C-alpha atoms as a PDB file:
ATOM      1  CA  UNK A   1      95.294  18.285 115.857  1.00  0.00           C
ATOM      2  CA  UNK A   2      93.675  21.723 116.008  1.00  0.00           C
ATOM      3  CA  UNK A   3      91.263  20.848 113.200  1.00  0.00           C
ATOM      4  CA  UNK A   4      90.331  17.626 115.005  1.00  0.00           C
ATOM      5  CA  UNK A   5      89.585  19.512 118.222  1.00  0.00           C
ATOM      6  CA  UNK A   6      87.443  22.030 116.337  1.00  0.00           C
ATOM      7  CA  UNK A   7      85.656  19.265 114.435  1.00  0.00           C
ATOM      8  CA  UNK A   8      85.052  17.358 117.665  1.00  0.00           C
ATOM      9  CA  UNK A   9      82.952  20.259 118.961  1.00  0.00           C
ATOM     10  CA  UNK A  10      80.254  19.253 116.473  1.00  0.00           C
ATOM     11  CA  UNK A  11      79.773  15.945 118.260  1.00  0.00           C
ATOM     12  CA  UNK A  12      77.795  17.913 120.841  1.00  0.00           C
ATOM     13  CA  UNK A  13      75.089  18.556 118.250  1.00  0.00           C
ATOM     14  CA  UNK A  14      75.010  14.967 117.044  1.00  0.00           C
ATOM     15  CA  UNK A  15      77.469  14.983 114.133  1.00  0.00           C
ATOM     16  CA  UNK A  16      80.057  12.184 114.442  1.00  0.00           C
ATOM     17  CA  UNK A  17      83.734  12.988 114.095  1.00  0.00           C
ATOM     18  CA  UNK A  18      84.571  11.968 110.518  1.00  0.00           C
ATOM     19  CA  UNK A  19      81.578  13.854 109.139  1.00  0.00           C
ATOM     20  CA  UNK A  20      82.271  16.889 111.278  1.00  0.00           C
ATOM     21  CA  UNK A  21      85.453  17.559 109.270  1.00  0.00           C
ATOM     22  CA  UNK A  22      83.254  18.288 106.266  1.00  0.00           C
ATOM     23  CA  UNK A  23      80.925  20.395 108.361  1.00  0.00           C
ATOM     24  CA  UNK A  24      83.854  22.404 109.720  1.00  0.00           C
ATOM     25  CA  UNK A  25      85.139  23.038 106.185  1.00  0.00           C
ATOM     26  CA  UNK A  26      81.702  24.183 105.035  1.00  0.00           C
ATOM     27  CA  UNK A  27      81.260  26.453 108.061  1.00  0.00           C
ATOM     28  CA  UNK A  28      84.633  28.159 107.671  1.00  0.00           C
ATOM     29  CA  UNK A  29      84.152  28.525 103.923  1.00  0.00           C
ATOM     30  CA  UNK A  30      80.737  30.080 104.532  1.00  0.00           C
ATOM     31  CA  UNK A  31      82.319  32.618 106.887  1.00  0.00           C
ATOM     32  CA  UNK A  32      84.759  33.563 104.128  1.00  0.00           C
ATOM     33  CA  UNK A  33      81.871  33.598 101.625  1.00  0.00           C
ATOM     34  CA  UNK A  34      80.022  36.096 103.810  1.00  0.00           C
ATOM     35  CA  UNK A  35      83.127  38.297 104.002  1.00  0.00           C
ATOM     36  CA  UNK A  36      83.494  37.990 100.217  1.00  0.00           C
ATOM     37  CA  UNK A  37      80.133  39.663  99.697  1.00  0.00           C
ATOM     38  CA  UNK A  38      81.651  42.913 100.987  1.00  0.00           C
ATOM     39  CA  UNK A  39      85.436  42.409 100.655  1.00  0.00           C
ATOM     40  CA  UNK A  40      85.865  40.040  97.729  1.00  0.00           C
ATOM     41  CA  UNK A  41      89.267  41.264  96.580  1.00  0.00           C
ATOM     42  CA  UNK A  42      90.675  41.266 100.116  1.00  0.00           C
ATOM     43  CA  UNK A  43      89.573  37.666 100.742  1.00  0.00           C
ATOM     44  CA  UNK A  44      91.166  36.556  97.464  1.00  0.00           C
ATOM     45  CA  UNK A  45      94.422  38.386  98.211  1.00  0.00           C
ATOM     46  CA  UNK A  46      94.619  36.970 101.758  1.00  0.00           C
ATOM     47  CA  UNK A  47      94.135  33.420 100.468  1.00  0.00           C
ATOM     48  CA  UNK A  48      96.759  33.864  97.764  1.00  0.00           C
ATOM     49  CA  UNK A  49      99.211  35.355 100.253  1.00  0.00           C
ATOM     50  CA  UNK A  50      98.725  32.444 102.667  1.00  0.00           C
ATOM     51  CA  UNK A  51      98.921  29.717 100.035  1.00  0.00           C
ATOM     52  CA  UNK A  52     101.246  30.923  97.305  1.00  0.00           C
ATOM     53  CA  UNK A  53     104.094  32.260  99.438  1.00  0.00           C
ATOM     54  CA  UNK A  54     106.679  29.616 100.249  1.00  0.00           C
ATOM     55  CA  UNK A  55     106.549  28.905 104.008  1.00  0.00           C
ATOM     56  CA  UNK A  56     109.868  28.853 105.850  1.00  0.00           C
ATOM     57  CA  UNK A  57     108.891  26.942 108.998  1.00  0.00           C
ATOM     58  CA  UNK A  58     106.968  23.802 109.835  1.00  0.00           C
ATOM     59  CA  UNK A  59     104.213  25.936 111.354  1.00  0.00           C
ATOM     60  CA  UNK A  60     104.089  27.950 108.133  1.00  0.00           C
ATOM     61  CA  UNK A  61     103.575  24.771 106.131  1.00  0.00           C
ATOM     62  CA  UNK A  62     100.806  23.669 108.488  1.00  0.00           C
ATOM     63  CA  UNK A  63      99.086  27.068 108.235  1.00  0.00           C
ATOM     64  CA  UNK A  64      99.237  26.872 104.436  1.00  0.00           C
ATOM     65  CA  UNK A  65      97.184  23.691 104.440  1.00  0.00           C
ATOM     66  CA  UNK A  66      94.815  25.018 107.078  1.00  0.00           C
ATOM     67  CA  UNK A  67      94.176  28.019 104.803  1.00  0.00           C
ATOM     68  CA  UNK A  68      93.450  25.698 101.883  1.00  0.00           C
ATOM     69  CA  UNK A  69      91.075  23.648 104.055  1.00  0.00           C
ATOM     70  CA  UNK A  70      89.235  26.616 105.546  1.00  0.00           C
ATOM     71  CA  UNK A  71      88.863  28.887 102.524  1.00  0.00           C
ATOM     72  CA  UNK A  72      89.903  27.001  99.384  1.00  0.00           C
ATOM     73  CA  UNK A  73      86.436  26.276  98.052  1.00  0.00           C
ATOM     74  CA  UNK A  74      85.335  29.880  98.543  1.00  0.00           C
ATOM     75  CA  UNK A  75      88.501  31.207  96.883  1.00  0.00           C
ATOM     76  CA  UNK A  76      87.999  29.273  93.660  1.00  0.00           C
ATOM     77  CA  UNK A  77      84.331  30.214  93.394  1.00  0.00           C
ATOM     78  CA  UNK A  78      85.089  33.892  94.101  1.00  0.00           C
ATOM     79  CA  UNK A  79      87.698  33.866  91.321  1.00  0.00           C
ATOM     80  CA  UNK A  80      84.939  32.863  88.893  1.00  0.00           C
ATOM     81  CA  UNK A  81      82.417  35.340  90.332  1.00  0.00           C
ATOM     82  CA  UNK A  82      84.937  38.183  90.062  1.00  0.00           C
ATOM     83  CA  UNK A  83      84.709  38.020  86.257  1.00  0.00           C
ATOM     84  CA  UNK A  84      80.953  38.706  86.277  1.00  0.00           C
ATOM     85  CA  UNK A  85      79.331  42.148  86.213  1.00  0.00           C
ATOM     86  CA  UNK A  86      78.941  43.759  89.648  1.00  0.00           C
ATOM     87  CA  UNK A  87      75.264  42.942  90.220  1.00  0.00           C
ATOM     88  CA  UNK A  88      75.624  39.313  89.149  1.00  0.00           C
ATOM     89  CA  UNK A  89      78.837  39.046  91.152  1.00  0.00           C
ATOM     90  CA  UNK A  90      77.168  40.157  94.376  1.00  0.00           C
ATOM     91  CA  UNK A  91      74.043  38.100  93.696  1.00  0.00           C
ATOM     92  CA  UNK A  92      76.226  35.034  93.132  1.00  0.00           C
ATOM     93  CA  UNK A  93      78.176  35.756  96.323  1.00  0.00           C
ATOM     94  CA  UNK A  94      74.964  35.958  98.354  1.00  0.00           C
ATOM     95  CA  UNK A  95      73.629  32.761  96.776  1.00  0.00           C
ATOM     96  CA  UNK A  96      76.940  31.008  97.502  1.00  0.00           C
ATOM     97  CA  UNK A  97      76.806  32.070 101.144  1.00  0.00           C
ATOM     98  CA  UNK A  98      73.204  30.906 101.511  1.00  0.00           C
ATOM     99  CA  UNK A  99      73.953  27.548  99.835  1.00  0.00           C
ATOM    100  CA  UNK A 100      76.911  26.930 102.117  1.00  0.00           C
ATOM    101  CA  UNK A 101      74.883  27.851 105.174  1.00  0.00           C
ATOM    102  CA  UNK A 102      72.053  25.593 104.005  1.00  0.00           C
ATOM    103  CA  UNK A 103      74.439  22.678 103.475  1.00  0.00           C
ATOM    104  CA  UNK A 104      75.902  23.237 106.953  1.00  0.00           C
ATOM    105  CA  UNK A 105      72.462  22.853 108.539  1.00  0.00           C
ATOM    106  CA  UNK A 106      71.584  20.019 106.181  1.00  0.00           C
ATOM    107  CA  UNK A 107      74.364  17.916 107.696  1.00  0.00           C
ATOM    108  CA  UNK A 108      72.978  18.554 111.167  1.00  0.00           C
ATOM    109  CA  UNK A 109      69.536  17.511 109.915  1.00  0.00           C
ATOM    110  CA  UNK A 110      70.862  14.273 108.462  1.00  0.00           C
ATOM    111  CA  UNK A 111      72.388  13.142 111.747  1.00  0.00           C
ATOM    112  CA  UNK A 112      69.600  14.410 114.008  1.00  0.00           C
ATOM    113  CA  UNK A 113      66.647  12.888 112.152  1.00  0.00           C
END
């Protein structure tokens, strides 16, 4: 329900509700991608802590899947980038952030044209 309310906020800029779920995922992943430029290891550890630990409550289970939805794509790409040399790692992280940001605005452009 929380994800639906957040996704519904994009209807104000012309993106209908089913498509705004994708836009919300891209936006939240791009926020984590930006943080990964400076704190790559911390973002990876936070994701693994949220997803790999066995939740004990219903809310814990819900938060696990919210973490997968909001930062899963970034996590898997950062795991690959982490194996590269430092300069290529940071260059790839910046390119990833810019591509995610571009795709976020591309969705707005599709529905507002």
